[in-house]
Each structure stands twice: as structure tokens, then as C-alpha cells.
Amino acid sequence: MEYNIGDKVKTKKSHPCGSNIWEITRIGVDFKLKCDKCGHIVMMPREKALKAIVKKL
């Protein structure tokens, strides 16, 4: 699946704040995701991010 900066995605596990909706802010070797509810930013390797993402909203 193609992902672009600014896309909203849903993940398997939810963030401790309760949201499982994230916004993609960087794509490359690493994905940078920003929580839609609390604004927390997480960077994770591409492979891990692709496994965690369930669908594109």
C-alpha cells in the first residue's frame, strides 16, 4: 500500500492515551507517526510500522 505524508492510519495497538489513529509525518527508512489525540510523536523502523498499520483512513 502507498503511504504519503499527512495520511491518517489506524494501528493494531492503541496508544496509552486511548487513540489508535496516527498521522504520518515522515516516510523513508523510518516512519514518523503523530498521535491524533495527544500529539505524541513516535519514530519506528519501516518494517515495524508496516506491520503495525492496519488500514489507511
N, C-alpha and C. Protein backbone atom coordinates (compact mmCIF):
# COMPACT_ATOMS: atom_id res chain seq x y z
N MET A 1 0.84 -1.18 0.00
CA MET A 1 0.00 0.00 0.00
C MET A 1 0.89 1.25 0.00
N GLU A 2 0.46 2.26 -0.70
CA GLU A 2 1.20 3.52 -0.77
C GLU A 2 0.82 4.43 0.39
N TYR A 3 1.80 4.98 1.06
CA TYR A 3 1.57 5.93 2.14
C TYR A 3 2.22 7.25 1.78
N ASN A 4 1.55 8.34 2.11
CA ASN A 4 2.07 9.68 1.86
C ASN A 4 2.06 10.47 3.15
N ILE A 5 2.87 11.52 3.18
CA ILE A 5 2.90 12.39 4.35
C ILE A 5 1.53 13.04 4.51
N GLY A 6 1.02 13.04 5.73
CA GLY A 6 -0.29 13.62 6.00
C GLY A 6 -1.41 12.60 6.04
N ASP A 7 -1.14 11.36 5.62
CA ASP A 7 -2.17 10.31 5.66
C ASP A 7 -2.48 9.94 7.10
N LYS A 8 -3.74 9.63 7.36
CA LYS A 8 -4.17 9.13 8.67
C LYS A 8 -4.25 7.61 8.57
N VAL A 9 -3.67 6.93 9.56
CA VAL A 9 -3.67 5.47 9.57
C VAL A 9 -4.15 4.94 10.91
N LYS A 10 -4.66 3.72 10.89
CA LYS A 10 -5.12 3.05 12.11
C LYS A 10 -4.14 1.92 12.41
N THR A 11 -3.75 1.79 13.69
CA THR A 11 -2.79 0.75 14.09
C THR A 11 -3.48 -0.35 14.88
N LYS A 12 -2.80 -1.51 14.98
CA LYS A 12 -3.33 -2.65 15.72
C LYS A 12 -3.49 -2.31 17.19
N LYS A 13 -2.42 -1.80 17.79
CA LYS A 13 -2.46 -1.46 19.21
C LYS A 13 -2.72 0.02 19.37
N SER A 14 -3.41 0.37 20.45
CA SER A 14 -3.69 1.78 20.68
C SER A 14 -2.58 2.40 21.53
N HIS A 15 -2.46 3.70 21.43
CA HIS A 15 -1.51 4.49 22.23
C HIS A 15 -2.05 4.54 23.66
N PRO A 16 -1.20 4.71 24.67
CA PRO A 16 -1.70 4.78 26.05
C PRO A 16 -2.80 5.83 26.29
N CYS A 17 -2.86 6.86 25.44
CA CYS A 17 -3.91 7.88 25.59
C CYS A 17 -5.27 7.36 25.14
N GLY A 18 -5.29 6.20 24.45
CA GLY A 18 -6.56 5.60 24.04
C GLY A 18 -6.84 5.66 22.55
N SER A 19 -6.06 6.42 21.81
CA SER A 19 -6.29 6.57 20.37
C SER A 19 -5.45 5.56 19.59
N ASN A 20 -5.97 5.07 18.47
CA ASN A 20 -5.17 4.24 17.59
C ASN A 20 -5.13 4.84 16.18
N ILE A 21 -5.40 6.14 16.09
CA ILE A 21 -5.34 6.88 14.84
C ILE A 21 -4.07 7.74 14.86
N TRP A 22 -3.26 7.63 13.81
CA TRP A 22 -1.99 8.33 13.72
C TRP A 22 -1.89 9.07 12.40
N GLU A 23 -1.12 10.15 12.37
CA GLU A 23 -0.84 10.89 11.14
C GLU A 23 0.62 10.65 10.77
N ILE A 24 0.88 10.33 9.52
CA ILE A 24 2.25 10.10 9.06
C ILE A 24 2.89 11.46 8.78
N THR A 25 4.04 11.72 9.43
CA THR A 25 4.73 12.99 9.23
C THR A 25 6.07 12.83 8.52
N ARG A 26 6.57 11.60 8.41
CA ARG A 26 7.82 11.36 7.70
C ARG A 26 7.82 9.93 7.19
N ILE A 27 8.32 9.76 5.96
CA ILE A 27 8.42 8.44 5.34
C ILE A 27 9.83 8.28 4.81
N GLY A 28 10.36 7.10 4.98
CA GLY A 28 11.71 6.78 4.48
C GLY A 28 12.09 5.44 5.06
N VAL A 29 13.33 5.33 5.53
CA VAL A 29 13.76 4.12 6.21
C VAL A 29 12.97 4.00 7.51
N ASP A 30 12.68 5.14 8.14
CA ASP A 30 11.86 5.20 9.34
C ASP A 30 10.54 5.89 9.04
N PHE A 31 9.51 5.53 9.77
CA PHE A 31 8.23 6.23 9.72
C PHE A 31 8.12 7.09 10.97
N LYS A 32 7.66 8.32 10.82
CA LYS A 32 7.41 9.19 11.96
C LYS A 32 5.90 9.37 12.04
N LEU A 33 5.33 8.94 13.17
CA LEU A 33 3.89 8.99 13.36
C LEU A 33 3.54 9.93 14.50
N LYS A 34 2.47 10.70 14.31
CA LYS A 34 1.99 11.63 15.34
C LYS A 34 0.60 11.19 15.78
N CYS A 35 0.44 11.00 17.10
CA CYS A 35 -0.86 10.57 17.63
C CYS A 35 -1.89 11.66 17.37
N ASP A 36 -3.06 11.24 16.89
CA ASP A 36 -4.12 12.18 16.53
C ASP A 36 -4.77 12.81 17.76
N LYS A 37 -4.75 12.10 18.89
CA LYS A 37 -5.44 12.60 20.09
C LYS A 37 -4.54 13.48 20.96
N CYS A 38 -3.32 12.99 21.29
CA CYS A 38 -2.48 13.72 22.24
C CYS A 38 -1.29 14.42 21.59
N GLY A 39 -0.98 14.10 20.33
CA GLY A 39 0.11 14.78 19.63
C GLY A 39 1.50 14.18 19.86
N HIS A 40 1.57 13.05 20.57
CA HIS A 40 2.86 12.39 20.83
C HIS A 40 3.46 11.89 19.51
N ILE A 41 4.77 12.07 19.33
CA ILE A 41 5.44 11.67 18.09
C ILE A 41 6.30 10.44 18.36
N VAL A 42 6.18 9.45 17.47
CA VAL A 42 6.92 8.20 17.58
C VAL A 42 7.62 7.93 16.25
N MET A 43 8.89 7.53 16.33
CA MET A 43 9.61 7.09 15.13
C MET A 43 9.83 5.59 15.25
N MET A 44 9.57 4.87 14.15
CA MET A 44 9.80 3.42 14.17
C MET A 44 10.32 2.98 12.81
N PRO A 45 11.09 1.89 12.80
CA PRO A 45 11.59 1.37 11.52
C PRO A 45 10.45 1.05 10.57
N ARG A 46 10.72 1.17 9.29
CA ARG A 46 9.70 0.96 8.26
C ARG A 46 9.00 -0.40 8.40
N GLU A 47 9.76 -1.48 8.57
CA GLU A 47 9.17 -2.82 8.67
C GLU A 47 8.20 -2.92 9.84
N LYS A 48 8.58 -2.38 10.99
CA LYS A 48 7.72 -2.43 12.17
C LYS A 48 6.46 -1.60 11.95
N ALA A 49 6.61 -0.44 11.33
CA ALA A 49 5.46 0.43 11.07
C ALA A 49 4.47 -0.24 10.10
N LEU A 50 4.98 -0.87 9.07
CA LEU A 50 4.10 -1.53 8.09
C LEU A 50 3.34 -2.69 8.71
N LYS A 51 3.96 -3.38 9.68
CA LYS A 51 3.26 -4.46 10.39
C LYS A 51 2.21 -3.91 11.34
N ALA A 52 2.48 -2.74 11.94
CA ALA A 52 1.57 -2.17 12.93
C ALA A 52 0.34 -1.51 12.31
N ILE A 53 0.48 -1.01 11.09
CA ILE A 53 -0.62 -0.31 10.43
C ILE A 53 -1.65 -1.31 9.88
N VAL A 54 -2.91 -1.10 10.26
CA VAL A 54 -4.00 -1.98 9.82
C VAL A 54 -4.62 -1.45 8.53
N LYS A 55 -4.96 -0.14 8.53
CA LYS A 55 -5.56 0.42 7.32
C LYS A 55 -5.33 1.92 7.24
N LYS A 56 -5.51 2.44 6.05
CA LYS A 56 -5.38 3.87 5.77
C LYS A 56 -6.78 4.48 5.82
N LEU A 57 -6.92 5.59 6.51
CA LEU A 57 -8.24 6.23 6.62
C LEU A 57 -8.44 7.31 5.59
